[in-house]
N, C-alpha and C. Protein backbone atom coordinates (compact mmCIF):
# COMPACT_ATOMS: atom_id res chain seq x y z
N UNK A 1 108.16 -125.26 -174.73
CA UNK A 1 107.90 -125.80 -176.06
C UNK A 1 106.39 -125.94 -176.24
N UNK A 2 105.94 -125.62 -177.44
CA UNK A 2 104.51 -125.68 -177.73
C UNK A 2 104.13 -127.08 -178.20
N UNK A 3 103.82 -127.95 -177.24
CA UNK A 3 103.51 -129.33 -177.60
C UNK A 3 102.04 -129.66 -177.46
N UNK A 4 101.26 -128.74 -177.02
CA UNK A 4 99.83 -128.95 -176.86
C UNK A 4 99.07 -127.91 -177.67
N UNK A 5 97.97 -128.32 -178.26
CA UNK A 5 97.16 -127.39 -179.05
C UNK A 5 96.68 -126.23 -178.20
N UNK A 6 96.21 -126.52 -177.00
CA UNK A 6 95.69 -125.47 -176.12
C UNK A 6 96.79 -124.46 -175.77
N UNK A 7 97.99 -124.95 -175.52
CA UNK A 7 99.11 -124.06 -175.20
C UNK A 7 99.42 -123.15 -176.39
N UNK A 8 99.43 -123.73 -177.58
CA UNK A 8 99.72 -122.94 -178.78
C UNK A 8 98.63 -121.89 -179.02
N UNK A 9 97.36 -122.27 -178.84
CA UNK A 9 96.27 -121.32 -179.03
C UNK A 9 96.32 -120.20 -178.01
N UNK A 10 96.59 -120.54 -176.75
CA UNK A 10 96.70 -119.51 -175.71
C UNK A 10 97.86 -118.56 -175.98
N UNK A 11 98.97 -119.11 -176.42
CA UNK A 11 100.13 -118.28 -176.74
C UNK A 11 99.80 -117.33 -177.89
N UNK A 12 99.23 -117.87 -178.95
CA UNK A 12 98.88 -117.05 -180.11
C UNK A 12 97.84 -115.99 -179.74
N UNK A 13 96.89 -116.34 -178.88
CA UNK A 13 95.85 -115.40 -178.47
C UNK A 13 96.40 -114.23 -177.67
N UNK A 14 97.56 -114.42 -177.05
CA UNK A 14 98.14 -113.35 -176.24
C UNK A 14 98.91 -112.34 -177.08
N UNK A 15 99.11 -112.61 -178.36
CA UNK A 15 99.87 -111.72 -179.23
C UNK A 15 99.02 -110.52 -179.64
N UNK A 16 99.70 -109.43 -179.96
CA UNK A 16 99.03 -108.24 -180.49
C UNK A 16 99.77 -107.77 -181.73
N UNK A 17 99.06 -107.00 -182.56
CA UNK A 17 99.67 -106.37 -183.73
C UNK A 17 99.20 -104.93 -183.76
N UNK A 18 100.13 -104.02 -183.68
CA UNK A 18 99.82 -102.59 -183.62
C UNK A 18 98.84 -102.28 -182.50
N UNK A 19 99.01 -102.94 -181.36
CA UNK A 19 98.17 -102.70 -180.19
C UNK A 19 96.82 -103.37 -180.22
N UNK A 20 96.55 -104.18 -181.24
CA UNK A 20 95.26 -104.85 -181.35
C UNK A 20 95.43 -106.34 -181.13
N UNK A 21 94.47 -106.94 -180.41
CA UNK A 21 94.50 -108.38 -180.20
C UNK A 21 94.13 -109.09 -181.49
N UNK A 22 94.76 -110.22 -181.73
CA UNK A 22 94.46 -110.99 -182.93
C UNK A 22 93.39 -112.04 -182.62
N UNK A 23 92.74 -112.53 -183.65
CA UNK A 23 91.73 -113.57 -183.50
C UNK A 23 92.38 -114.90 -183.84
N UNK A 24 92.27 -115.86 -182.93
CA UNK A 24 92.89 -117.17 -183.12
C UNK A 24 91.80 -118.22 -183.09
N UNK A 25 91.77 -119.06 -184.13
CA UNK A 25 90.79 -120.14 -184.20
C UNK A 25 91.49 -121.43 -184.61
N UNK A 26 91.06 -122.53 -184.04
CA UNK A 26 91.56 -123.84 -184.43
C UNK A 26 90.65 -124.38 -185.52
N UNK A 27 91.23 -124.76 -186.63
CA UNK A 27 90.46 -125.32 -187.74
C UNK A 27 90.85 -126.78 -187.88
N UNK A 28 89.87 -127.65 -187.77
CA UNK A 28 90.12 -129.09 -187.81
C UNK A 28 89.79 -129.73 -189.14
N UNK A 29 89.25 -128.97 -190.08
CA UNK A 29 88.84 -129.59 -191.33
C UNK A 29 89.93 -129.48 -192.39
N UNK A 30 89.85 -130.31 -193.38
CA UNK A 30 90.77 -130.29 -194.50
C UNK A 30 90.15 -129.48 -195.63
N UNK A 31 90.92 -128.57 -196.17
CA UNK A 31 90.42 -127.76 -197.27
C UNK A 31 90.56 -128.50 -198.59
N UNK A 32 89.61 -128.27 -199.48
CA UNK A 32 89.67 -128.86 -200.81
C UNK A 32 90.79 -128.19 -201.60
N UNK A 33 91.47 -128.96 -202.41
CA UNK A 33 92.52 -128.39 -203.24
C UNK A 33 91.95 -128.02 -204.61
N UNK A 34 92.62 -127.14 -205.29
CA UNK A 34 92.21 -126.76 -206.63
C UNK A 34 91.15 -125.68 -206.69
N UNK A 35 90.73 -125.14 -205.55
CA UNK A 35 89.73 -124.09 -205.54
C UNK A 35 90.45 -122.75 -205.66
N UNK A 36 89.99 -121.92 -206.58
CA UNK A 36 90.64 -120.63 -206.82
C UNK A 36 89.62 -119.50 -206.72
N UNK A 37 90.13 -118.32 -206.39
CA UNK A 37 89.29 -117.13 -206.36
C UNK A 37 89.06 -116.63 -207.78
N UNK A 38 87.92 -115.97 -207.97
CA UNK A 38 87.67 -115.34 -209.26
C UNK A 38 88.55 -114.11 -209.39
N UNK A 39 88.70 -113.61 -210.60
CA UNK A 39 89.51 -112.40 -210.81
C UNK A 39 88.91 -111.21 -210.06
N UNK A 40 87.59 -111.16 -209.97
CA UNK A 40 86.93 -110.07 -209.25
C UNK A 40 87.25 -110.15 -207.75
N UNK A 41 87.22 -111.35 -207.18
CA UNK A 41 87.52 -111.53 -205.76
C UNK A 41 88.98 -111.18 -205.48
N UNK A 42 89.88 -111.58 -206.36
CA UNK A 42 91.30 -111.26 -206.19
C UNK A 42 91.51 -109.75 -206.25
N UNK A 43 90.82 -109.08 -207.17
CA UNK A 43 90.95 -107.62 -207.31
C UNK A 43 90.51 -106.92 -206.03
N UNK A 44 89.45 -107.41 -205.39
CA UNK A 44 88.98 -106.81 -204.14
C UNK A 44 90.02 -106.96 -203.03
N UNK A 45 90.66 -108.11 -202.97
CA UNK A 45 91.70 -108.34 -201.96
C UNK A 45 92.92 -107.48 -202.25
N UNK A 46 93.30 -107.39 -203.51
CA UNK A 46 94.47 -106.59 -203.89
C UNK A 46 94.29 -105.12 -203.50
N UNK A 47 93.04 -104.64 -203.47
CA UNK A 47 92.79 -103.25 -203.07
C UNK A 47 93.01 -103.04 -201.57
N UNK A 48 93.03 -104.11 -200.79
CA UNK A 48 93.16 -104.01 -199.34
C UNK A 48 94.59 -104.22 -198.85
N UNK A 49 95.48 -104.65 -199.72
CA UNK A 49 96.85 -104.93 -199.30
C UNK A 49 97.84 -104.08 -200.08
N UNK A 50 99.01 -103.93 -199.50
CA UNK A 50 100.10 -103.25 -200.18
C UNK A 50 101.26 -104.23 -200.28
N UNK A 51 101.64 -104.58 -201.48
CA UNK A 51 102.76 -105.51 -201.67
C UNK A 51 104.07 -104.77 -201.50
N UNK A 52 104.96 -105.36 -200.75
CA UNK A 52 106.25 -104.74 -200.48
C UNK A 52 107.32 -105.44 -201.32
N UNK A 53 107.14 -105.36 -202.63
CA UNK A 53 108.01 -106.09 -203.55
C UNK A 53 109.43 -105.53 -203.61
N UNK A 54 109.62 -104.29 -203.22
CA UNK A 54 110.96 -103.70 -203.24
C UNK A 54 111.53 -103.65 -201.83
N UNK A 55 111.34 -104.73 -201.08
CA UNK A 55 111.78 -104.77 -199.70
C UNK A 55 113.30 -104.75 -199.60
N UNK A 56 113.79 -103.99 -198.63
CA UNK A 56 115.22 -103.94 -198.35
C UNK A 56 115.48 -104.55 -196.97
N UNK A 57 114.61 -105.46 -196.56
CA UNK A 57 114.74 -106.11 -195.26
C UNK A 57 116.01 -106.94 -195.25
N UNK A 58 116.79 -106.84 -194.17
CA UNK A 58 118.08 -107.53 -194.08
C UNK A 58 117.95 -109.04 -194.10
N UNK A 59 116.96 -109.57 -193.38
CA UNK A 59 116.83 -111.02 -193.25
C UNK A 59 116.00 -111.62 -194.39
N UNK A 60 114.97 -110.90 -194.85
CA UNK A 60 114.06 -111.43 -195.87
C UNK A 60 114.04 -110.54 -197.10
N UNK A 61 115.14 -110.40 -197.82
CA UNK A 61 115.17 -109.46 -198.94
C UNK A 61 114.44 -109.94 -200.19
N UNK A 62 114.14 -111.23 -200.30
CA UNK A 62 113.59 -111.75 -201.55
C UNK A 62 112.18 -112.31 -201.40
N UNK A 63 111.39 -111.75 -200.50
CA UNK A 63 110.03 -112.26 -200.31
C UNK A 63 109.08 -111.81 -201.42
N UNK A 64 109.42 -110.76 -202.11
CA UNK A 64 108.63 -110.33 -203.26
C UNK A 64 107.16 -110.15 -202.96
N UNK A 65 106.30 -110.77 -203.76
CA UNK A 65 104.86 -110.61 -203.62
C UNK A 65 104.30 -111.20 -202.33
N UNK A 66 105.07 -112.02 -201.63
CA UNK A 66 104.59 -112.64 -200.40
C UNK A 66 104.72 -111.71 -199.21
N UNK A 67 105.45 -110.63 -199.34
CA UNK A 67 105.70 -109.69 -198.25
C UNK A 67 104.70 -108.55 -198.40
N UNK A 68 103.63 -108.56 -197.58
CA UNK A 68 102.56 -107.58 -197.76
C UNK A 68 102.26 -106.84 -196.47
N UNK A 69 101.65 -105.69 -196.61
CA UNK A 69 101.15 -104.90 -195.49
C UNK A 69 99.65 -104.79 -195.69
N UNK A 70 98.87 -105.27 -194.72
CA UNK A 70 97.41 -105.28 -194.86
C UNK A 70 96.85 -104.02 -194.24
């Protein structure tokens, strides 16, 4: 069971995606609420992702815009 921060970070650091190691960081600060990206910033991000809105995944068929491929 992941009951320690260090254990969770070590576990997450050992994961890979498509053969690449992921970057894991512990963030201790609280983010401000109500902050939004500009339309220009959102457009730049949208160019980097592919939304899988027509997913036929058996377990998660209704993820819609939240199901993306980066």
